Amino acid sequence: MSPASAGEPHGALYRQDSLPDGTRVTCVPVDGGYQTTVAIPARWDVFRVNIAINWANGQTVEKRFWRPPWRDEDSFPWSGTFSRRGR
């Protein structure tokens, strides 16, 4: 997802068609960066998410992940997985 242009909730959104129906996202510029919100409908039992930021310093771009990329050797089972208890 990238920050929105004026009047839009978000810019480019990776694999938007694979999100559950009713998912809402926003990504807007704020002082010093941007603010992102993702609201996933309550109809799930388990889901897995990873967040990567393209960190740019003006000359290079580096991808920084919240959890290890799932295909990397540093990944671990259930990384970035959320599940409901008692269901």
PDB file of N, CA and C in Angstrom:
ATOM      1  N   MET A   1       0.853  -1.143   0.000  1.00  0.00           N
ATOM      2  CA  MET A   1       0.000   0.000   0.000  1.00  0.00           C
ATOM      3  C   MET A   1       0.909   1.219   0.000  1.00  0.00           C
ATOM      4  N   SER A   2       0.484   2.197  -0.718  1.00  0.00           N
ATOM      5  CA  SER A   2       1.237   3.448  -0.723  1.00  0.00           C
ATOM      6  C   SER A   2       0.323   4.576  -0.267  1.00  0.00           C
ATOM      7  N   PRO A   3       0.917   5.700   0.158  1.00  0.00           N
ATOM      8  CA  PRO A   3       0.083   6.819   0.617  1.00  0.00           C
ATOM      9  C   PRO A   3      -0.863   7.306  -0.474  1.00  0.00           C
ATOM     10  N   ALA A   4      -1.996   7.824  -0.033  1.00  0.00           N
ATOM     11  CA  ALA A   4      -3.051   8.266  -0.941  1.00  0.00           C
ATOM     12  C   ALA A   4      -2.748   9.618  -1.551  1.00  0.00           C
ATOM     13  N   SER A   5      -3.348   9.843  -2.688  1.00  0.00           N
ATOM     14  CA  SER A   5      -3.421  11.179  -3.255  1.00  0.00           C
ATOM     15  C   SER A   5      -4.626  11.861  -2.628  1.00  0.00           C
ATOM     16  N   ALA A   6      -4.728  13.149  -2.778  1.00  0.00           N
ATOM     17  CA  ALA A   6      -5.851  13.891  -2.190  1.00  0.00           C
ATOM     18  C   ALA A   6      -7.181  13.272  -2.602  1.00  0.00           C
ATOM     19  N   GLY A   7      -8.054  13.013  -1.626  1.00  0.00           N
ATOM     20  CA  GLY A   7      -9.391  12.494  -1.885  1.00  0.00           C
ATOM     21  C   GLY A   7      -9.479  10.986  -2.024  1.00  0.00           C
ATOM     22  N   GLU A   8      -8.360  10.282  -1.954  1.00  0.00           N
ATOM     23  CA  GLU A   8      -8.358   8.821  -2.074  1.00  0.00           C
ATOM     24  C   GLU A   8      -8.038   8.198  -0.715  1.00  0.00           C
ATOM     25  N   PRO A   9      -8.598   6.995  -0.393  1.00  0.00           N
ATOM     26  CA  PRO A   9      -8.306   6.367   0.900  1.00  0.00           C
ATOM     27  C   PRO A   9      -6.894   5.791   0.971  1.00  0.00           C
ATOM     28  N   HIS A  10      -6.361   5.344  -0.161  1.00  0.00           N
ATOM     29  CA  HIS A  10      -5.014   4.775  -0.194  1.00  0.00           C
ATOM     30  C   HIS A  10      -4.511   4.807  -1.625  1.00  0.00           C
ATOM     31  N   GLY A  11      -3.205   4.654  -1.772  1.00  0.00           N
ATOM     32  CA  GLY A  11      -2.609   4.556  -3.096  1.00  0.00           C
ATOM     33  C   GLY A  11      -2.620   3.107  -3.542  1.00  0.00           C
ATOM     34  N   ALA A  12      -1.527   2.665  -4.141  1.00  0.00           N
ATOM     35  CA  ALA A  12      -1.428   1.285  -4.625  1.00  0.00           C
ATOM     36  C   ALA A  12      -1.547   0.307  -3.456  1.00  0.00           C
ATOM     37  N   LEU A  13      -2.296  -0.756  -3.646  1.00  0.00           N
ATOM     38  CA  LEU A  13      -2.510  -1.767  -2.612  1.00  0.00           C
ATOM     39  C   LEU A  13      -2.180  -3.124  -3.200  1.00  0.00           C
ATOM     40  N   TYR A  14      -1.140  -3.781  -2.686  1.00  0.00           N
ATOM     41  CA  TYR A  14      -0.664  -5.064  -3.195  1.00  0.00           C
ATOM     42  C   TYR A  14      -1.709  -6.156  -2.973  1.00  0.00           C
ATOM     43  N   ARG A  15      -2.043  -6.872  -4.032  1.00  0.00           N
ATOM     44  CA  ARG A  15      -2.981  -8.004  -4.002  1.00  0.00           C
ATOM     45  C   ARG A  15      -4.317  -7.657  -3.349  1.00  0.00           C
ATOM     46  N   GLN A  16      -4.842  -6.514  -3.698  1.00  0.00           N
ATOM     47  CA  GLN A  16      -6.111  -6.047  -3.135  1.00  0.00           C
ATOM     48  C   GLN A  16      -7.232  -7.060  -3.338  1.00  0.00           C
ATOM     49  N   ASP A  17      -7.221  -7.763  -4.468  1.00  0.00           N
ATOM     50  CA  ASP A  17      -8.282  -8.728  -4.771  1.00  0.00           C
ATOM     51  C   ASP A  17      -8.255  -9.957  -3.864  1.00  0.00           C
ATOM     52  N   SER A  18      -7.159 -10.166  -3.117  1.00  0.00           N
ATOM     53  CA  SER A  18      -7.085 -11.336  -2.235  1.00  0.00           C
ATOM     54  C   SER A  18      -7.534 -11.026  -0.811  1.00  0.00           C
ATOM     55  N   LEU A  19      -7.890  -9.779  -0.518  1.00  0.00           N
ATOM     56  CA  LEU A  19      -8.350  -9.410   0.823  1.00  0.00           C
ATOM     57  C   LEU A  19      -9.798  -9.854   1.037  1.00  0.00           C
ATOM     58  N   PRO A  20     -10.159 -10.198   2.268  1.00  0.00           N
ATOM     59  CA  PRO A  20     -11.553 -10.587   2.535  1.00  0.00           C
ATOM     60  C   PRO A  20     -12.518  -9.447   2.213  1.00  0.00           C
ATOM     61  N   ASP A  21     -13.709  -9.813   1.743  1.00  0.00           N
ATOM     62  CA  ASP A  21     -14.744  -8.806   1.497  1.00  0.00           C
ATOM     63  C   ASP A  21     -14.974  -7.994   2.765  1.00  0.00           C
ATOM     64  N   GLY A  22     -15.122  -6.696   2.609  1.00  0.00           N
ATOM     65  CA  GLY A  22     -15.373  -5.821   3.739  1.00  0.00           C
ATOM     66  C   GLY A  22     -14.120  -5.257   4.386  1.00  0.00           C
ATOM     67  N   THR A  23     -12.937  -5.687   3.936  1.00  0.00           N
ATOM     68  CA  THR A  23     -11.697  -5.135   4.468  1.00  0.00           C
ATOM     69  C   THR A  23     -11.610  -3.663   4.077  1.00  0.00           C
ATOM     70  N   ARG A  24     -11.222  -2.826   5.051  1.00  0.00           N
ATOM     71  CA  ARG A  24     -11.068  -1.393   4.781  1.00  0.00           C
ATOM     72  C   ARG A  24      -9.632  -0.992   5.072  1.00  0.00           C
ATOM     73  N   VAL A  25      -9.062  -0.188   4.191  1.00  0.00           N
ATOM     74  CA  VAL A  25      -7.691   0.278   4.378  1.00  0.00           C
ATOM     75  C   VAL A  25      -7.599   1.775   4.110  1.00  0.00           C
ATOM     76  N   THR A  26      -6.726   2.414   4.851  1.00  0.00           N
ATOM     77  CA  THR A  26      -6.386   3.805   4.574  1.00  0.00           C
ATOM     78  C   THR A  26      -4.881   3.961   4.732  1.00  0.00           C
ATOM     79  N   CYS A  27      -4.326   4.875   3.984  1.00  0.00           N
ATOM     80  CA  CYS A  27      -2.910   5.204   4.083  1.00  0.00           C
ATOM     81  C   CYS A  27      -2.780   6.663   3.657  1.00  0.00           C
ATOM     82  N   VAL A  28      -2.527   7.530   4.619  1.00  0.00           N
ATOM     83  CA  VAL A  28      -2.501   8.963   4.336  1.00  0.00           C
ATOM     84  C   VAL A  28      -1.189   9.576   4.820  1.00  0.00           C
ATOM     85  N   PRO A  29      -0.692  10.569   4.102  1.00  0.00           N
ATOM     86  CA  PRO A  29       0.525  11.265   4.551  1.00  0.00           C
ATOM     87  C   PRO A  29       0.266  12.033   5.851  1.00  0.00           C
ATOM     88  N   VAL A  30       1.243  12.005   6.751  1.00  0.00           N
ATOM     89  CA  VAL A  30       1.230  12.793   7.982  1.00  0.00           C
ATOM     90  C   VAL A  30       2.628  13.406   8.132  1.00  0.00           C
ATOM     91  N   ASP A  31       2.774  14.325   9.047  1.00  0.00           N
ATOM     92  CA  ASP A  31       4.091  14.926   9.263  1.00  0.00           C
ATOM     93  C   ASP A  31       5.136  13.854   9.534  1.00  0.00           C
ATOM     94  N   GLY A  32       6.171  13.806   8.753  1.00  0.00           N
ATOM     95  CA  GLY A  32       7.262  12.858   8.958  1.00  0.00           C
ATOM     96  C   GLY A  32       7.037  11.475   8.412  1.00  0.00           C
ATOM     97  N   GLY A  33       5.964  11.218   7.698  1.00  0.00           N
ATOM     98  CA  GLY A  33       5.739   9.878   7.150  1.00  0.00           C
ATOM     99  C   GLY A  33       4.314   9.674   6.694  1.00  0.00           C
ATOM    100  N   TYR A  34       3.720   8.552   7.058  1.00  0.00           N
ATOM    101  CA  TYR A  34       2.332   8.275   6.730  1.00  0.00           C
ATOM    102  C   TYR A  34       1.713   7.374   7.786  1.00  0.00           C
ATOM    103  N   GLN A  35       0.392   7.372   7.812  1.00  0.00           N
ATOM    104  CA  GLN A  35      -0.363   6.574   8.780  1.00  0.00           C
ATOM    105  C   GLN A  35      -1.220   5.581   8.018  1.00  0.00           C
ATOM    106  N   THR A  36      -1.146   4.323   8.436  1.00  0.00           N
ATOM    107  CA  THR A  36      -1.881   3.256   7.766  1.00  0.00           C
ATOM    108  C   THR A  36      -2.808   2.561   8.752  1.00  0.00           C
ATOM    109  N   THR A  37      -4.024   2.293   8.322  1.00  0.00           N
ATOM    110  CA  THR A  37      -4.988   1.527   9.107  1.00  0.00           C
ATOM    111  C   THR A  37      -5.549   0.424   8.218  1.00  0.00           C
ATOM    112  N   VAL A  38      -5.616  -0.784   8.753  1.00  0.00           N
ATOM    113  CA  VAL A  38      -6.225  -1.912   8.049  1.00  0.00           C
ATOM    114  C   VAL A  38      -7.269  -2.510   8.984  1.00  0.00           C
ATOM    115  N   ALA A  39      -8.515  -2.555   8.538  1.00  0.00           N
ATOM    116  CA  ALA A  39      -9.603  -3.142   9.323  1.00  0.00           C
ATOM    117  C   ALA A  39     -10.077  -4.400   8.601  1.00  0.00           C
ATOM    118  N   ILE A  40      -9.909  -5.534   9.257  1.00  0.00           N
ATOM    119  CA  ILE A  40     -10.280  -6.830   8.679  1.00  0.00           C
ATOM    120  C   ILE A  40     -11.586  -7.269   9.330  1.00  0.00           C
ATOM    121  N   PRO A  41     -12.579  -7.681   8.539  1.00  0.00           N
ATOM    122  CA  PRO A  41     -13.868  -8.096   9.105  1.00  0.00           C
ATOM    123  C   PRO A  41     -13.711  -9.189  10.164  1.00  0.00           C
ATOM    124  N   ALA A  42     -14.632  -9.245  11.079  1.00  0.00           N
ATOM    125  CA  ALA A  42     -14.573 -10.176  12.205  1.00  0.00           C
ATOM    126  C   ALA A  42     -14.944 -11.611  11.834  1.00  0.00           C
ATOM    127  N   ARG A  43     -15.059 -11.928  10.572  1.00  0.00           N
ATOM    128  CA  ARG A  43     -15.485 -13.265  10.143  1.00  0.00           C
ATOM    129  C   ARG A  43     -14.310 -14.215   9.939  1.00  0.00           C
ATOM    130  N   TRP A  44     -13.231 -14.044  10.615  1.00  0.00           N
ATOM    131  CA  TRP A  44     -12.072 -14.898  10.439  1.00  0.00           C
ATOM    132  C   TRP A  44     -11.784 -15.687  11.707  1.00  0.00           C
ATOM    133  N   ASP A  45     -11.137 -16.819  11.540  1.00  0.00           N
ATOM    134  CA  ASP A  45     -10.655 -17.595  12.676  1.00  0.00           C
ATOM    135  C   ASP A  45      -9.133 -17.488  12.782  1.00  0.00           C
ATOM    136  N   VAL A  46      -8.466 -17.502  11.619  1.00  0.00           N
ATOM    137  CA  VAL A  46      -7.009 -17.389  11.564  1.00  0.00           C
ATOM    138  C   VAL A  46      -6.652 -16.575  10.337  1.00  0.00           C
ATOM    139  N   PHE A  47      -5.704 -15.665  10.485  1.00  0.00           N
ATOM    140  CA  PHE A  47      -5.153 -15.007   9.307  1.00  0.00           C
ATOM    141  C   PHE A  47      -3.689 -14.696   9.557  1.00  0.00           C
ATOM    142  N   ARG A  48      -2.962 -14.526   8.456  1.00  0.00           N
ATOM    143  CA  ARG A  48      -1.531 -14.263   8.518  1.00  0.00           C
ATOM    144  C   ARG A  48      -1.233 -13.004   7.733  1.00  0.00           C
ATOM    145  N   VAL A  49      -0.405 -12.157   8.304  1.00  0.00           N
ATOM    146  CA  VAL A  49      -0.096 -10.889   7.654  1.00  0.00           C
ATOM    147  C   VAL A  49       1.386 -10.573   7.855  1.00  0.00           C
ATOM    148  N   ASN A  50       1.956  -9.935   6.879  1.00  0.00           N
ATOM    149  CA  ASN A  50       3.292  -9.394   7.028  1.00  0.00           C
ATOM    150  C   ASN A  50       3.294  -7.988   6.458  1.00  0.00           C
ATOM    151  N   ILE A  51       4.131  -7.151   7.008  1.00  0.00           N
ATOM    152  CA  ILE A  51       4.192  -5.760   6.590  1.00  0.00           C
ATOM    153  C   ILE A  51       5.626  -5.459   6.179  1.00  0.00           C
ATOM    154  N   ALA A  52       5.770  -4.892   4.991  1.00  0.00           N
ATOM    155  CA  ALA A  52       7.087  -4.476   4.514  1.00  0.00           C
ATOM    156  C   ALA A  52       7.023  -2.999   4.158  1.00  0.00           C
ATOM    157  N   ILE A  53       8.061  -2.288   4.522  1.00  0.00           N
ATOM    158  CA  ILE A  53       8.159  -0.871   4.187  1.00  0.00           C
ATOM    159  C   ILE A  53       9.339  -0.695   3.248  1.00  0.00           C
ATOM    160  N   ASN A  54       9.120   0.011   2.158  1.00  0.00           N
ATOM    161  CA  ASN A  54      10.224   0.374   1.281  1.00  0.00           C
ATOM    162  C   ASN A  54      10.864   1.622   1.859  1.00  0.00           C
ATOM    163  N   TRP A  55      12.003   1.451   2.503  1.00  0.00           N
ATOM    164  CA  TRP A  55      12.705   2.526   3.186  1.00  0.00           C
ATOM    165  C   TRP A  55      13.657   3.167   2.193  1.00  0.00           C
ATOM    166  N   ALA A  56      13.414   4.417   1.846  1.00  0.00           N
ATOM    167  CA  ALA A  56      14.219   5.115   0.847  1.00  0.00           C
ATOM    168  C   ALA A  56      15.007   6.241   1.496  1.00  0.00           C
ATOM    169  N   ASN A  57      16.271   6.339   1.129  1.00  0.00           N
ATOM    170  CA  ASN A  57      17.095   7.418   1.666  1.00  0.00           C
ATOM    171  C   ASN A  57      17.477   8.435   0.588  1.00  0.00           C
ATOM    172  N   GLY A  58      16.827   8.387  -0.543  1.00  0.00           N
ATOM    173  CA  GLY A  58      17.115   9.306  -1.628  1.00  0.00           C
ATOM    174  C   GLY A  58      17.977   8.690  -2.715  1.00  0.00           C
ATOM    175  N   GLN A  59      18.745   7.660  -2.377  1.00  0.00           N
ATOM    176  CA  GLN A  59      19.600   7.002  -3.361  1.00  0.00           C
ATOM    177  C   GLN A  59      19.285   5.524  -3.509  1.00  0.00           C
ATOM    178  N   THR A  60      18.962   4.873  -2.403  1.00  0.00           N
ATOM    179  CA  THR A  60      18.653   3.449  -2.435  1.00  0.00           C
ATOM    180  C   THR A  60      17.327   3.189  -1.745  1.00  0.00           C
ATOM    181  N   VAL A  61      16.751   2.025  -2.044  1.00  0.00           N
ATOM    182  CA  VAL A  61      15.512   1.599  -1.397  1.00  0.00           C
ATOM    183  C   VAL A  61      15.784   0.243  -0.754  1.00  0.00           C
ATOM    184  N   GLU A  62      15.431   0.130   0.515  1.00  0.00           N
ATOM    185  CA  GLU A  62      15.613  -1.106   1.260  1.00  0.00           C
ATOM    186  C   GLU A  62      14.255  -1.554   1.783  1.00  0.00           C
ATOM    187  N   LYS A  63      13.938  -2.829   1.610  1.00  0.00           N
ATOM    188  CA  LYS A  63      12.673  -3.377   2.106  1.00  0.00           C
ATOM    189  C   LYS A  63      12.877  -3.813   3.559  1.00  0.00           C
ATOM    190  N   ARG A  64      12.054  -3.272   4.466  1.00  0.00           N
ATOM    191  CA  ARG A  64      12.124  -3.631   5.884  1.00  0.00           C
ATOM    192  C   ARG A  64      10.809  -4.297   6.276  1.00  0.00           C
ATOM    193  N   PHE A  65      10.934  -5.489   6.877  1.00  0.00           N
ATOM    194  CA  PHE A  65       9.765  -6.298   7.219  1.00  0.00           C
ATOM    195  C   PHE A  65       9.468  -6.247   8.709  1.00  0.00           C
ATOM    196  N   TRP A  66       8.169  -6.328   9.053  1.00  0.00           N
ATOM    197  CA  TRP A  66       7.718  -6.421  10.436  1.00  0.00           C
ATOM    198  C   TRP A  66       8.084  -7.789  11.008  1.00  0.00           C
ATOM    199  N   ARG A  67       7.866  -8.831  10.254  1.00  0.00           N
ATOM    200  CA  ARG A  67       8.262 -10.200  10.579  1.00  0.00           C
ATOM    201  C   ARG A  67       9.152 -10.683   9.421  1.00  0.00           C
ATOM    202  N   PRO A  68       9.941 -11.739   9.628  1.00  0.00           N
ATOM    203  CA  PRO A  68      10.789 -12.189   8.521  1.00  0.00           C
ATOM    204  C   PRO A  68       9.949 -12.538   7.291  1.00  0.00           C
ATOM    205  N   PRO A  69      10.458 -12.240   6.094  1.00  0.00           N
ATOM    206  CA  PRO A  69       9.736 -12.665   4.884  1.00  0.00           C
ATOM    207  C   PRO A  69       9.507 -14.172   4.941  1.00  0.00           C
ATOM    208  N   TRP A  70       8.332 -14.602   4.543  1.00  0.00           N
ATOM    209  CA  TRP A  70       7.934 -15.997   4.726  1.00  0.00           C
ATOM    210  C   TRP A  70       8.782 -16.983   3.947  1.00  0.00           C
ATOM    211  N   ARG A  71       9.432 -16.556   2.906  1.00  0.00           N
ATOM    212  CA  ARG A  71      10.260 -17.461   2.109  1.00  0.00           C
ATOM    213  C   ARG A  71      11.725 -17.429   2.539  1.00  0.00           C
ATOM    214  N   ASP A  72      12.074 -16.596   3.519  1.00  0.00           N
ATOM    215  CA  ASP A  72      13.451 -16.503   3.997  1.00  0.00           C
ATOM    216  C   ASP A  72      13.745 -17.576   5.029  1.00  0.00           C
ATOM    217  N   GLU A  73      15.022 -17.881   5.183  1.00  0.00           N
ATOM    218  CA  GLU A  73      15.408 -18.883   6.180  1.00  0.00           C
ATOM    219  C   GLU A  73      15.180 -18.393   7.609  1.00  0.00           C
ATOM    220  N   ASP A  74      15.064 -17.074   7.809  1.00  0.00           N
ATOM    221  CA  ASP A  74      14.802 -16.524   9.142  1.00  0.00           C
ATOM    222  C   ASP A  74      13.334 -16.628   9.552  1.00  0.00           C
ATOM    223  N   SER A  75      12.458 -16.986   8.625  1.00  0.00           N
ATOM    224  CA  SER A  75      11.039 -17.113   8.941  1.00  0.00           C
ATOM    225  C   SER A  75      10.830 -18.263   9.916  1.00  0.00           C
ATOM    226  N   PHE A  76       9.718 -18.240  10.603  1.00  0.00           N
ATOM    227  CA  PHE A  76       9.404 -19.306  11.550  1.00  0.00           C
ATOM    228  C   PHE A  76       7.919 -19.620  11.438  1.00  0.00           C
ATOM    229  N   PRO A  77       7.514 -20.857  11.790  1.00  0.00           N
ATOM    230  CA  PRO A  77       6.104 -21.230  11.672  1.00  0.00           C
ATOM    231  C   PRO A  77       5.203 -20.254  12.414  1.00  0.00           C
ATOM    232  N   TRP A  78       4.145 -19.903  11.812  1.00  0.00           N
ATOM    233  CA  TRP A  78       3.103 -19.042  12.374  1.00  0.00           C
ATOM    234  C   TRP A  78       3.540 -17.585  12.555  1.00  0.00           C
ATOM    235  N   SER A  79       4.645 -17.183  11.922  1.00  0.00           N
ATOM    236  CA  SER A  79       5.035 -15.777  12.055  1.00  0.00           C
ATOM    237  C   SER A  79       3.966 -14.883  11.437  1.00  0.00           C
ATOM    238  N   GLY A  80       3.573 -13.860  12.167  1.00  0.00           N
ATOM    239  CA  GLY A  80       2.559 -12.933  11.682  1.00  0.00           C
ATOM    240  C   GLY A  80       1.151 -13.498  11.661  1.00  0.00           C
ATOM    241  N   THR A  81       0.927 -14.616  12.358  1.00  0.00           N
ATOM    242  CA  THR A  81      -0.390 -15.264  12.353  1.00  0.00           C
ATOM    243  C   THR A  81      -1.193 -14.844  13.583  1.00  0.00           C
ATOM    244  N   PHE A  82      -2.440 -14.524  13.353  1.00  0.00           N
ATOM    245  CA  PHE A  82      -3.358 -14.162  14.416  1.00  0.00           C
ATOM    246  C   PHE A  82      -4.495 -15.181  14.410  1.00  0.00           C
ATOM    247  N   SER A  83      -4.892 -15.649  15.584  1.00  0.00           N
ATOM    248  CA  SER A  83      -6.008 -16.593  15.652  1.00  0.00           C
ATOM    249  C   SER A  83      -6.917 -16.211  16.819  1.00  0.00           C
ATOM    250  N   ARG A  84      -8.181 -16.568  16.657  1.00  0.00           N
ATOM    251  CA  ARG A  84      -9.157 -16.306  17.715  1.00  0.00           C
ATOM    252  C   ARG A  84      -9.166 -17.476  18.676  1.00  0.00           C
ATOM    253  N   ARG A  85      -9.282 -17.174  19.943  1.00  0.00           N
ATOM    254  CA  ARG A  85      -9.394 -18.235  20.954  1.00  0.00           C
ATOM    255  C   ARG A  85     -10.862 -18.438  21.293  1.00  0.00           C
ATOM    256  N   GLY A  86     -11.205 -19.657  21.648  1.00  0.00           N
ATOM    257  CA  GLY A  86     -12.564 -19.945  22.092  1.00  0.00           C
ATOM    258  C   GLY A  86     -13.588 -20.018  20.986  1.00  0.00           C
ATOM    259  N   ARG A  87     -13.142 -20.226  19.771  1.00  0.00           N
ATOM    260  CA  ARG A  87     -14.098 -20.349  18.665  1.00  0.00           C
ATOM    261  C   ARG A  87     -14.052 -21.732  18.104  1.00  0.00           C
TER     262      ARG A  87
END
